[in-house]
């Protein structure tokens, strides 16, 4: 016997229920893992600080260890956000210089991916925004990591203030890569929690979904445009903080 299709309203309600259950499960998994992850990150930070004390006469090594500590602390903050996924709000907005944050993300991406050519179009003047700087970095890291997968790999990163619209001042970050692009089906799932096409490379598929939720809470948005053979463009828009 052939099962008749569900009415549109019932199908939509069923899909919403499935999504809600998945998000609850995601929160439960994140809460269970956060304690162990924070313990590991705490050990990394502690060992790095002890090593810095022993290498006090080597400023070059200490600078690298400071970078390691900063990345581990960022990781701990991301773990906290993952745990908060079971609740409503995950963002912790604060006022920061977006231009400096983008420059730091480019520097870190270049260190992780030496073969990635990054063209920077970042203003020297500060661009102050009110958002969650940690989750913004998560989003930028995910986007630049994706750009590094192609050979040759190249990404153009720009940051600018948008024209004033009815007193609403905004800034945007645009990352354009020259990779192979994505199909319509993959693009449609980009912001889905835990969705990734690079699981074999250790990608978790949470960076962009967290960033989307956090930017939305702060009055911003993240958009992506891609097609096979045309690369991928990601645009992040945030409210300016004067």
Protein backbone atom coordinates (compact mmCIF):
# COMPACT_ATOMS: atom_id res chain seq x y z
CA UNK A 1 0.00 0.00 0.00
CA UNK A 2 1.38 3.35 -1.00
CA UNK A 3 1.58 5.91 1.81
CA UNK A 4 0.01 9.22 0.74
CA UNK A 5 2.15 12.36 1.04
CA UNK A 6 1.82 14.41 4.20
CA UNK A 7 -0.10 17.70 4.00
CA UNK A 8 2.22 20.70 3.80
CA UNK A 9 1.42 21.95 7.32
CA UNK A 10 1.97 18.51 8.87
CA UNK A 11 5.20 18.01 6.91
CA UNK A 12 6.49 21.39 8.09
CA UNK A 13 5.57 20.61 11.70
CA UNK A 14 7.29 17.22 11.48
CA UNK A 15 10.44 18.81 10.04
CA UNK A 16 10.45 21.41 12.84
CA UNK A 17 10.11 18.68 15.48
CA UNK A 18 13.00 16.71 13.98
CA UNK A 19 15.15 19.86 13.90
CA UNK A 20 14.27 20.68 17.51
CA UNK A 21 15.19 17.17 18.64
CA UNK A 22 18.49 17.39 16.79
CA UNK A 23 19.34 20.72 18.40
CA UNK A 24 18.52 19.31 21.84
CA UNK A 25 20.78 16.35 21.14
CA UNK A 26 23.49 18.72 19.96
CA UNK A 27 23.26 20.63 23.22
CA UNK A 28 23.44 17.43 25.25
CA UNK A 29 26.52 16.23 23.38
CA UNK A 30 28.19 19.62 23.71
CA UNK A 31 27.46 19.82 27.44
CA UNK A 32 28.87 16.34 28.00
CA UNK A 33 32.07 17.03 26.07
CA UNK A 34 32.76 20.56 27.29
CA UNK A 35 34.15 19.54 30.68
CA UNK A 36 36.70 17.14 29.18
CA UNK A 37 37.69 19.57 26.45
CA UNK A 38 38.19 22.40 28.92
CA UNK A 39 40.40 20.13 31.04
CA UNK A 40 42.59 19.38 28.02
CA UNK A 41 42.79 23.03 26.99
CA UNK A 42 43.62 24.00 30.58
CA UNK A 43 46.55 21.56 30.55
CA UNK A 44 47.81 22.98 27.25
CA UNK A 45 47.67 26.52 28.62
CA UNK A 46 49.36 25.50 31.87
CA UNK A 47 52.20 23.64 30.14
CA UNK A 48 52.72 26.51 27.72
CA UNK A 49 52.98 29.00 30.59
CA UNK A 50 55.50 26.78 32.43
CA UNK A 51 57.54 26.45 29.24
CA UNK A 52 57.52 30.23 28.81
CA UNK A 53 59.05 30.59 32.27
CA UNK A 54 61.82 28.16 31.31
CA UNK A 55 62.47 29.94 28.01
CA UNK A 56 62.36 33.47 29.35
CA UNK A 57 65.65 34.25 27.60
CA UNK A 58 64.24 33.29 24.18
CA UNK A 59 61.69 35.94 23.16
CA UNK A 60 61.04 34.30 19.77
CA UNK A 61 59.95 31.04 21.41
CA UNK A 62 57.90 32.91 24.00
CA UNK A 63 56.06 34.78 21.25
CA UNK A 64 55.06 31.48 19.64
CA UNK A 65 53.93 30.12 22.99
CA UNK A 66 51.84 33.25 23.58
CA UNK A 67 50.11 32.54 20.25
CA UNK A 68 49.48 28.96 21.38
CA UNK A 69 47.99 30.17 24.68
CA UNK A 70 45.79 32.69 22.86
CA UNK A 71 44.46 30.01 20.48
CA UNK A 72 43.83 27.58 23.39
CA UNK A 73 41.95 30.29 25.29
CA UNK A 74 39.88 30.97 22.18
CA UNK A 75 39.16 27.25 21.99
CA UNK A 76 37.95 27.26 25.59
CA UNK A 77 35.55 30.08 24.78
CA UNK A 78 34.23 28.16 21.78
CA UNK A 79 33.62 25.14 24.03
CA UNK A 80 31.61 27.39 26.34
CA UNK A 81 29.48 28.52 23.38
CA UNK A 82 28.92 24.92 22.32
CA UNK A 83 27.64 24.12 25.78
CA UNK A 84 25.32 27.10 25.53
CA UNK A 85 23.77 25.74 22.34
CA UNK A 86 21.15 24.00 24.42
CA UNK A 87 19.88 27.43 25.49
CA UNK A 88 18.67 30.42 23.52
CA UNK A 89 21.55 32.91 23.50
CA UNK A 90 25.10 31.93 22.68
CA UNK A 91 26.68 35.29 21.86
CA UNK A 92 28.66 37.43 24.29
CA UNK A 93 28.92 40.72 22.39
CA UNK A 94 31.60 43.26 23.19
CA UNK A 95 33.05 46.28 21.44
CA UNK A 96 36.20 45.50 19.43
CA UNK A 97 38.16 46.60 16.35
CA UNK A 98 36.94 44.46 13.45
CA UNK A 99 39.87 45.44 11.22
CA UNK A 100 42.38 44.22 13.81
CA UNK A 101 40.42 40.98 14.34
CA UNK A 102 40.38 40.27 10.59
CA UNK A 103 44.11 40.97 10.34
CA UNK A 104 44.76 38.57 13.23
CA UNK A 105 42.62 35.88 11.57
CA UNK A 106 44.60 36.27 8.33
CA UNK A 107 47.89 36.02 10.23
CA UNK A 108 46.80 32.83 11.99
CA UNK A 109 45.47 31.29 8.77
CA UNK A 110 48.75 32.04 7.02
CA UNK A 111 50.65 30.31 9.82
CA UNK A 112 48.40 27.23 9.62
CA UNK A 113 48.39 27.12 5.82
CA UNK A 114 51.71 28.43 4.42
CA UNK A 115 50.60 27.67 0.84
CA UNK A 116 47.48 29.83 1.13
CA UNK A 117 47.96 33.18 -0.61
CA UNK A 118 45.91 35.80 1.24
CA UNK A 119 45.32 39.17 -0.41
CA UNK A 120 44.41 41.65 2.33
CA UNK A 121 42.26 44.72 1.76
CA UNK A 122 42.01 45.89 5.35
CA UNK A 123 41.91 49.57 6.39
CA UNK A 124 44.53 50.96 8.74
CA UNK A 125 41.87 52.79 10.77
CA UNK A 126 39.84 50.97 13.40
CA UNK A 127 36.35 49.70 12.56
CA UNK A 128 34.56 49.36 15.90
CA UNK A 129 31.72 46.84 16.10
CA UNK A 130 29.59 45.28 18.81
CA UNK A 131 29.56 41.51 18.40
CA UNK A 132 31.03 38.27 19.72
CA UNK A 133 34.67 38.49 18.65
CA UNK A 134 35.34 34.85 19.50
CA UNK A 135 32.63 33.45 17.25
CA UNK A 136 33.57 35.89 14.51
CA UNK A 137 37.07 34.40 14.59
CA UNK A 138 35.56 30.92 14.46
CA UNK A 139 33.69 31.90 11.30
CA UNK A 140 36.74 33.49 9.67
CA UNK A 141 38.91 30.50 10.57
CA UNK A 142 36.37 28.12 9.02
CA UNK A 143 36.12 30.19 5.83
CA UNK A 144 39.90 30.55 5.42
CA UNK A 145 40.46 26.88 6.23
CA UNK A 146 38.07 26.03 3.42
CA UNK A 147 39.92 28.36 1.04
CA UNK A 148 43.18 26.59 1.84
CA UNK A 149 41.93 23.26 0.49
CA UNK A 150 42.45 24.14 -3.16
CA UNK A 151 45.68 23.95 -5.14
CA UNK A 152 46.72 26.62 -5.82
CA UNK A 153 44.86 28.25 -2.93
CA UNK A 154 44.15 31.96 -2.81
CA UNK A 155 41.75 34.12 -0.85
CA UNK A 156 40.99 37.84 -0.96
CA UNK A 157 39.91 39.25 2.40
CA UNK A 158 38.39 42.74 2.49
CA UNK A 159 36.97 44.77 5.34
CA UNK A 160 35.15 48.11 5.00
CA UNK A 161 32.49 50.39 6.40
CA UNK A 162 29.28 50.46 4.38
CA UNK A 163 27.52 53.70 3.35
CA UNK A 164 25.24 55.13 6.03
CA UNK A 165 21.63 54.02 5.50
CA UNK A 166 19.06 55.96 7.55
CA UNK A 167 21.51 56.26 10.42
CA UNK A 168 22.21 52.53 10.40
CA UNK A 169 26.00 52.19 10.19
CA UNK A 170 27.36 48.77 9.31
CA UNK A 171 30.66 47.17 8.37
CA UNK A 172 31.29 44.08 6.27
CA UNK A 173 33.96 41.46 5.83
CA UNK A 174 34.13 39.65 2.49
CA UNK A 175 36.22 36.54 1.85
CA UNK A 176 36.46 35.38 -1.77
CA UNK A 177 38.38 32.24 -2.71
CA UNK A 178 39.19 30.80 -6.12
CA UNK A 179 38.39 27.19 -5.27
CA UNK A 180 36.12 24.75 -7.06
CA UNK A 181 32.97 26.13 -5.46
CA UNK A 182 29.99 24.21 -4.08
CA UNK A 183 26.94 22.58 -5.52
CA UNK A 184 23.49 23.95 -4.73
CA UNK A 185 22.85 21.00 -2.41
CA UNK A 186 26.03 21.55 -0.36
CA UNK A 187 25.50 25.33 -0.24
CA UNK A 188 21.99 24.83 1.14
CA UNK A 189 23.41 22.88 4.12
CA UNK A 190 26.42 25.09 4.86
CA UNK A 191 25.01 26.55 8.08
CA UNK A 192 23.54 23.27 9.30
CA UNK A 193 25.06 22.22 12.67
CA UNK A 194 27.64 19.44 12.30
CA UNK A 195 27.42 19.41 8.51
CA UNK A 196 30.83 19.26 6.82
CA UNK A 197 32.33 17.85 3.65
CA UNK A 198 35.74 17.60 5.34
CA UNK A 199 35.09 15.25 8.27
CA UNK A 200 38.07 13.10 7.22
CA UNK A 201 40.28 16.16 7.77
CA UNK A 202 38.99 16.77 11.28
CA UNK A 203 36.42 19.45 10.46
CA UNK A 204 33.54 19.48 12.96
CA UNK A 205 30.98 21.51 11.02
CA UNK A 206 30.06 23.83 13.89
CA UNK A 207 31.95 27.06 13.15
CA UNK A 208 29.61 28.62 10.61
CA UNK A 209 26.40 27.52 12.36
CA UNK A 210 27.56 29.05 15.63
CA UNK A 211 28.67 32.23 13.88
CA UNK A 212 25.34 32.55 12.09
CA UNK A 213 23.42 32.31 15.37
CA UNK A 214 25.75 34.70 17.18
CA UNK A 215 25.75 37.33 14.42
CA UNK A 216 21.97 37.18 14.24
CA UNK A 217 21.74 37.85 17.97
CA UNK A 218 24.02 40.88 17.54
CA UNK A 219 22.04 42.33 14.65
CA UNK A 220 24.41 41.06 11.95
CA UNK A 221 24.28 38.33 9.34
CA UNK A 222 26.47 35.95 7.36
CA UNK A 223 25.79 35.09 3.74
CA UNK A 224 27.46 32.71 1.31
CA UNK A 225 27.41 32.50 -2.46
CA UNK A 226 29.06 29.71 -4.44
CA UNK A 227 28.72 27.66 -7.59
CA UNK A 228 30.83 24.90 -9.14
CA UNK A 229 33.92 26.29 -10.84
CA UNK A 230 33.37 29.84 -9.56
CA UNK A 231 34.82 29.73 -6.04
CA UNK A 232 33.03 30.82 -2.88
CA UNK A 233 32.24 34.25 -1.44
CA UNK A 234 31.33 34.75 2.21
CA UNK A 235 30.02 38.09 3.46
CA UNK A 236 29.73 38.96 7.16
CA UNK A 237 27.85 42.13 8.07
CA UNK A 238 27.89 43.63 11.56
CA UNK A 239 26.50 46.82 13.16
CA UNK A 240 29.10 49.50 13.73
CA UNK A 241 29.69 50.68 17.30
CA UNK A 242 30.46 54.40 17.41
